[in-house]
Amino acid sequence: MSIKYDNKRSDITFCTMLFKMPQQNDLNSLKHMQRKFEEFYLPSLKTLINTFKKVALWCDKETAEFIKKENLEKYVDMRVMDFSALPHYTERDEMLKILHGMRGNVGYLFHHKTPEQWVDYLILIGAKPSVFDWAAQTNKFKSKYFMWIDAGSFHPMYAGFWAQWDGKILAKPERVRITISPTLGKTRPHFVPNFIYRLYKKLQGPISPATSQTLVKQNLLDIAMINADYDVPACSFMADTEWVHKFYVWFEQVRNIMKKHGLVSTEQAVFQAMMKFDTINMFEVSYIHGYTGVYAGVAKECADCVI
């Protein structure tokens, strides 16, 4: 899969990570398609690195060996580690206990899978802001901006995501650029526990409040997702250097608030909560319809954002 990109834009470091899951078959079964490490992720990562040239990467030894074999090292600021060294791995047993406690009410999160199948995936995707923060601190390429791109984003099955993109990244965010896609209450149920609702009412952010359907359901306490009238496609977001660390700190604070109240979830749900509680005007939000064009949505100039 070939992606056009205007390399004249030299002030961005593209951040990602790639690890072979401890139970690789679980990742294949969790997703709606087969995402095999060798066939799906490694070729996609190769395209990503060849396209953007300035990439900050956390990865395992197998990925690092692949990058060296393909002579891509000069384009990559690479941190090699075992999966067990990811930031939240030490919380694995605690997360499993919470996930089992949530199992009766969660619905969407598990898709009939078990907490044991989900927990390592949640540890993986929960590390995105940590990689983002590390990339800005090391800043090998002396960049002004950092943009997250999932390692699997360049598989041919995602060609439609890139079809609307002209190869240019015009956005120069002053804060954190992120896309949201309206759910219109139709795509899946989202519920909000009482503590989230009360906190949101006190710290009302820029995004509209929960749907009336959710307010009726607010007595459900142990549920997986934060209610929102939007989804956050977390495969892409972008930030000015000055905001990367604040974004990471805020993510960890909100994630810990959720965990304290018996909630462990995907990074999209944490991003939703971050937006609802946003009192420092951290986000520049770009609306998209569906996930097609999500990368183009982030790349558009800031005039298209909701500030």
Protein backbone atom coordinates (compact mmCIF):
# COMPACT_ATOMS: atom_id res chain seq x y z
CA MET A 1 0.00 0.00 0.00
CA SER A 2 1.49 3.31 -1.11
CA ILE A 3 0.62 6.49 0.78
CA LYS A 4 1.31 9.96 -0.57
CA TYR A 5 2.84 12.40 1.88
CA ASP A 6 4.36 15.83 1.39
CA ASN A 7 7.75 15.45 3.09
CA LYS A 8 8.30 19.21 2.94
CA ARG A 9 6.50 19.21 6.27
CA SER A 10 9.55 18.39 8.37
CA ASP A 11 8.42 19.52 11.84
CA ILE A 12 6.43 16.41 12.84
CA THR A 13 7.52 13.21 14.57
CA PHE A 14 5.11 10.32 14.00
CA CYS A 15 4.63 8.11 17.06
CA THR A 16 3.61 4.48 17.20
CA MET A 17 4.35 1.11 18.82
CA LEU A 18 4.35 -2.53 17.84
CA PHE A 19 4.53 -5.59 20.07
CA LYS A 20 3.68 -9.21 19.48
CA MET A 21 0.96 -9.92 22.01
CA PRO A 22 1.70 -12.50 24.72
CA GLN A 23 -1.30 -14.46 23.40
CA GLN A 24 -1.32 -13.50 19.73
CA ASN A 25 -4.42 -15.52 18.90
CA ASP A 26 -6.37 -13.40 21.37
CA LEU A 27 -5.60 -10.21 19.43
CA ASN A 28 -6.75 -11.91 16.23
CA SER A 29 -10.01 -12.92 17.87
CA LEU A 30 -10.63 -9.58 19.59
CA LYS A 31 -10.67 -7.70 16.31
CA HIS A 32 -13.20 -8.04 13.52
CA MET A 33 -10.49 -9.28 11.16
CA GLN A 34 -7.34 -11.36 11.44
CA ARG A 35 -4.53 -9.02 12.53
CA LYS A 36 -1.54 -11.28 12.45
CA PHE A 37 1.77 -9.86 13.56
CA GLU A 38 3.92 -10.96 10.60
CA GLU A 39 1.33 -10.61 7.81
CA PHE A 40 -0.59 -7.55 9.02
CA TYR A 41 1.48 -5.36 11.32
CA LEU A 42 5.08 -5.64 10.14
CA PRO A 43 4.38 -4.72 6.47
CA SER A 44 2.17 -1.85 7.65
CA LEU A 45 4.91 -0.54 9.94
CA LYS A 46 7.39 -0.70 7.06
CA THR A 47 5.08 1.47 4.92
CA LEU A 48 4.57 3.88 7.81
CA ILE A 49 8.31 4.37 8.33
CA ASN A 50 9.05 4.69 4.62
CA THR A 51 6.27 7.26 4.26
CA PHE A 52 6.99 9.60 7.16
CA LYS A 53 10.73 9.08 7.71
CA LYS A 54 10.62 10.52 11.28
CA VAL A 55 9.14 7.90 13.56
CA ALA A 56 9.28 7.41 17.34
CA LEU A 57 8.63 3.78 18.21
CA TRP A 58 8.27 1.50 21.20
CA CYS A 59 8.64 -2.12 20.14
CA ASP A 60 9.81 -5.62 21.02
CA LYS A 61 12.99 -7.33 19.84
CA GLU A 62 11.30 -9.04 16.90
CA THR A 63 10.05 -5.73 15.53
CA ALA A 64 13.46 -4.13 16.07
CA GLU A 65 15.14 -6.95 14.14
CA PHE A 66 12.67 -6.46 11.28
CA ILE A 67 13.47 -2.73 11.14
CA LYS A 68 17.19 -3.43 11.03
CA LYS A 69 16.73 -6.06 8.31
CA GLU A 70 14.78 -3.54 6.21
CA ASN A 71 17.48 -0.84 6.75
CA LEU A 72 15.00 1.57 8.32
CA GLU A 73 16.90 2.38 11.52
CA LYS A 74 17.95 5.87 10.41
CA TYR A 75 14.31 6.94 10.27
CA VAL A 76 13.38 5.64 13.73
CA ASP A 77 13.88 6.72 17.33
CA MET A 78 13.39 3.28 18.82
CA ARG A 79 12.93 2.00 22.36
CA VAL A 80 13.11 -1.79 22.53
CA MET A 81 11.49 -3.60 25.46
CA ASP A 82 9.56 -6.69 26.46
CA PHE A 83 5.78 -6.48 26.51
CA SER A 84 5.95 -6.90 30.30
CA ALA A 85 7.84 -3.58 30.52
CA LEU A 86 4.84 -1.56 29.30
CA PRO A 87 3.76 1.04 31.90
CA HIS A 88 0.52 -0.58 33.05
CA TYR A 89 1.66 -4.19 33.00
CA THR A 90 2.34 -4.11 36.75
CA GLU A 91 -1.40 -3.45 37.18
CA ARG A 92 -2.38 -6.56 35.21
CA ASP A 93 -3.76 -8.56 38.16
CA GLU A 94 -5.66 -5.53 39.47
CA MET A 95 -7.10 -4.86 36.03
CA LEU A 96 -8.21 -8.48 35.69
CA LYS A 97 -10.01 -8.28 39.01
CA ILE A 98 -11.81 -5.09 37.93
CA LEU A 99 -12.69 -6.57 34.54
CA HIS A 100 -14.24 -9.63 36.18
CA GLY A 101 -16.24 -7.33 38.45
CA MET A 102 -17.50 -5.37 35.43
CA ARG A 103 -18.44 -8.45 33.44
CA GLY A 104 -22.12 -8.45 34.33
CA ASN A 105 -22.81 -4.96 32.99
CA VAL A 106 -20.30 -4.29 30.28
CA GLY A 107 -21.79 -5.65 27.07
CA TYR A 108 -19.86 -3.69 24.46
CA LEU A 109 -16.34 -4.07 25.80
CA PHE A 110 -16.10 -7.83 25.82
CA HIS A 111 -18.03 -8.97 22.74
CA HIS A 112 -18.42 -12.35 24.46
CA LYS A 113 -14.68 -12.53 25.16
CA THR A 114 -13.15 -13.06 28.57
CA PRO A 115 -11.22 -10.58 30.74
CA GLU A 116 -8.16 -12.76 30.24
CA GLN A 117 -8.42 -12.19 26.49
CA TRP A 118 -8.88 -8.44 26.87
CA VAL A 119 -6.44 -7.44 29.57
CA ASP A 120 -3.17 -7.48 27.58
CA TYR A 121 -4.79 -5.56 24.74
CA LEU A 122 -5.96 -2.87 27.17
CA ILE A 123 -2.42 -2.68 28.59
CA LEU A 124 -1.07 -2.22 25.07
CA ILE A 125 -3.40 0.53 23.86
CA GLY A 126 -3.27 2.27 27.23
CA ALA A 127 0.43 2.91 26.59
CA LYS A 128 -0.20 5.26 23.65
CA PRO A 129 0.08 8.48 25.69
CA SER A 130 3.24 7.12 27.35
CA VAL A 131 4.91 6.59 23.97
CA PHE A 132 3.71 10.04 22.92
CA ASP A 133 5.27 11.61 26.02
CA TRP A 134 8.54 9.72 25.62
CA ALA A 135 8.81 10.79 21.98
CA ALA A 136 8.46 14.46 22.90
CA GLN A 137 11.00 14.17 25.70
CA THR A 138 13.65 12.46 23.57
CA ASN A 139 12.72 14.44 20.43
CA LYS A 140 15.41 12.89 18.27
CA PHE A 141 14.20 14.76 15.19
CA LYS A 142 13.85 18.17 16.90
CA SER A 143 10.15 18.35 16.05
CA LYS A 144 7.61 20.98 16.97
CA TYR A 145 4.63 18.60 16.65
CA PHE A 146 3.93 14.96 17.43
CA MET A 147 1.30 12.82 15.71
CA TRP A 148 0.15 9.37 16.77
CA ILE A 149 -0.44 6.82 14.00
CA ASP A 150 -1.35 3.21 14.80
CA ALA A 151 1.21 0.74 13.49
CA GLY A 152 -1.45 -1.16 11.57
CA SER A 153 -2.85 1.89 9.79
CA PHE A 154 -1.12 1.18 6.50
CA HIS A 155 -2.57 -2.24 5.80
CA PRO A 156 -4.35 -2.24 2.39
CA MET A 157 -7.69 -2.87 4.09
CA TYR A 158 -7.49 0.73 5.37
CA ALA A 159 -7.02 2.28 1.94
CA GLY A 160 -10.39 3.98 2.31
CA PHE A 161 -9.14 5.85 5.38
CA TRP A 162 -6.51 7.56 3.26
CA ALA A 163 -8.56 8.08 0.09
CA GLN A 164 -9.63 11.60 1.09
CA TRP A 165 -6.11 12.73 1.96
CA ASP A 166 -4.02 14.83 -0.42
CA GLY A 167 -0.74 13.94 1.28
CA LYS A 168 -0.47 17.21 3.18
CA ILE A 169 -0.69 17.87 6.90
CA LEU A 170 -1.78 21.46 7.23
CA ALA A 171 -2.65 21.43 10.91
CA LYS A 172 -0.34 23.19 13.33
CA PRO A 173 -2.15 22.60 16.60
CA GLU A 174 -1.64 24.88 19.53
CA ARG A 175 -2.94 22.17 21.83
CA VAL A 176 -4.10 18.58 21.16
CA ARG A 177 -5.83 17.81 17.85
CA ILE A 178 -8.21 14.88 18.03
CA THR A 179 -11.11 13.67 15.89
CA ILE A 180 -14.55 12.63 17.07
CA SER A 181 -17.28 10.85 15.18
CA PRO A 182 -20.92 11.43 16.23
CA THR A 183 -22.68 8.24 17.28
CA LEU A 184 -26.19 9.77 17.21
CA GLY A 185 -27.11 7.20 19.84
CA LYS A 186 -27.33 4.47 17.21
CA THR A 187 -24.01 2.68 16.93
CA ARG A 188 -23.82 1.16 20.40
CA PRO A 189 -24.98 1.84 23.95
CA HIS A 190 -22.84 4.01 26.19
CA PHE A 191 -23.59 4.28 29.86
CA VAL A 192 -22.29 6.62 32.53
CA PRO A 193 -21.76 5.80 36.20
CA ASN A 194 -22.98 8.28 38.80
CA PHE A 195 -19.53 9.57 39.75
CA ILE A 196 -18.74 10.42 36.12
CA TYR A 197 -22.06 12.20 35.69
CA ARG A 198 -21.67 14.21 38.90
CA LEU A 199 -18.10 15.18 38.07
CA TYR A 200 -19.07 16.18 34.56
CA LYS A 201 -21.91 18.38 35.84
CA LYS A 202 -19.41 20.14 38.09
CA LEU A 203 -16.65 20.47 35.46
CA GLN A 204 -18.66 20.87 32.31
CA GLY A 205 -16.39 20.72 29.27
CA PRO A 206 -16.80 21.77 25.66
CA ILE A 207 -18.60 18.62 24.49
CA SER A 208 -22.39 18.32 24.81
CA PRO A 209 -23.68 16.25 27.75
CA ALA A 210 -24.93 12.68 27.69
CA THR A 211 -28.05 11.64 25.82
CA SER A 212 -31.41 11.43 27.56
CA GLN A 213 -31.22 7.65 27.19
CA THR A 214 -28.08 7.64 29.30
CA LEU A 215 -29.49 9.90 32.00
CA VAL A 216 -32.24 7.33 32.51
CA LYS A 217 -29.54 4.67 32.88
CA GLN A 218 -27.29 6.64 35.21
CA ASN A 219 -27.95 4.33 38.16
CA LEU A 220 -25.77 1.66 36.51
CA LEU A 221 -22.49 1.91 38.38
CA ASP A 222 -20.17 -0.78 37.07
CA ILE A 223 -19.99 -0.31 33.35
CA ALA A 224 -17.25 -0.17 30.78
CA MET A 225 -17.58 2.90 28.61
CA ILE A 226 -17.96 6.58 29.34
CA ASN A 227 -21.17 7.87 27.83
CA ALA A 228 -20.77 10.30 24.97
CA ASP A 229 -22.58 11.38 21.85
CA TYR A 230 -19.36 10.73 19.97
CA ASP A 231 -16.65 8.14 19.44
CA VAL A 232 -12.97 9.04 19.57
CA PRO A 233 -11.01 7.26 16.83
CA ALA A 234 -7.81 6.94 18.84
CA CYS A 235 -5.76 5.69 15.90
CA SER A 236 -4.66 9.28 15.24
CA PHE A 237 -4.11 12.45 17.27
CA MET A 238 -1.65 15.33 17.13
CA ALA A 239 -0.20 17.80 19.62
CA ASP A 240 2.10 20.75 19.97
CA THR A 241 5.26 19.87 21.91
CA GLU A 242 4.18 21.99 24.87
CA TRP A 243 0.99 19.96 25.34
CA VAL A 244 2.23 16.39 24.95
CA HIS A 245 3.25 15.90 28.58
CA LYS A 246 0.10 17.61 29.90
CA PHE A 247 -1.94 15.25 27.70
CA TYR A 248 -0.11 12.23 29.13
CA VAL A 249 -0.54 13.42 32.75
CA TRP A 250 -4.25 14.13 32.24
CA PHE A 251 -4.76 10.70 30.64
CA GLU A 252 -3.16 8.95 33.61
CA GLN A 253 -5.14 11.00 36.11
CA VAL A 254 -8.47 10.23 34.45
CA ARG A 255 -7.58 6.58 33.92
CA ASN A 256 -6.82 6.26 37.63
CA ILE A 257 -10.07 7.99 38.57
CA MET A 258 -11.94 5.45 36.46
CA LYS A 259 -9.98 2.55 37.93
CA LYS A 260 -10.65 3.78 41.46
CA HIS A 261 -14.37 3.55 40.70
CA GLY A 262 -14.18 0.07 39.23
CA LEU A 263 -13.77 0.89 35.55
CA VAL A 264 -11.09 -0.41 33.19
CA SER A 265 -11.58 0.44 29.55
CA THR A 266 -10.12 1.22 26.15
CA GLU A 267 -8.12 4.38 25.58
CA GLN A 268 -11.03 5.82 23.56
CA ALA A 269 -13.19 5.78 26.68
CA VAL A 270 -10.48 7.53 28.68
CA PHE A 271 -10.20 10.17 25.93
CA GLN A 272 -13.97 10.66 26.10
CA ALA A 273 -13.76 11.21 29.84
CA MET A 274 -10.80 13.58 29.41
CA MET A 275 -12.92 15.68 27.06
CA LYS A 276 -15.87 15.74 29.42
CA PHE A 277 -13.69 16.87 32.32
CA ASP A 278 -11.55 19.27 30.26
CA THR A 279 -11.28 22.51 32.25
CA ILE A 280 -8.00 23.71 30.72
CA ASN A 281 -9.23 23.77 27.12
CA MET A 282 -6.75 21.11 26.09
CA PHE A 283 -8.44 19.82 22.95
CA GLU A 284 -8.89 21.08 19.41
CA VAL A 285 -11.68 18.84 18.15
CA SER A 286 -12.31 17.94 14.52
CA TYR A 287 -15.62 16.28 13.62
CA ILE A 288 -15.72 13.45 11.10
CA HIS A 289 -18.58 11.23 9.96
CA GLY A 290 -17.61 7.62 10.41
CA TYR A 291 -14.03 6.46 10.63
CA THR A 292 -13.27 6.92 6.93
CA GLY A 293 -10.97 9.89 6.54
CA VAL A 294 -9.96 9.97 10.21
CA TYR A 295 -6.33 10.79 9.41
CA ALA A 296 -7.35 13.52 7.01
CA GLY A 297 -9.57 14.85 9.80
CA VAL A 298 -6.57 15.30 12.06
CA ALA A 299 -4.44 16.71 9.24
CA LYS A 300 -6.84 19.50 8.27
CA GLU A 301 -5.97 23.04 9.20
CA CYS A 302 -7.23 24.34 12.51
CA ALA A 303 -9.92 26.51 10.97
CA ASP A 304 -11.97 23.32 10.73
CA CYS A 305 -11.74 22.63 14.45
CA VAL A 306 -14.19 23.23 17.23
CA ILE A 307 -12.18 25.32 19.69
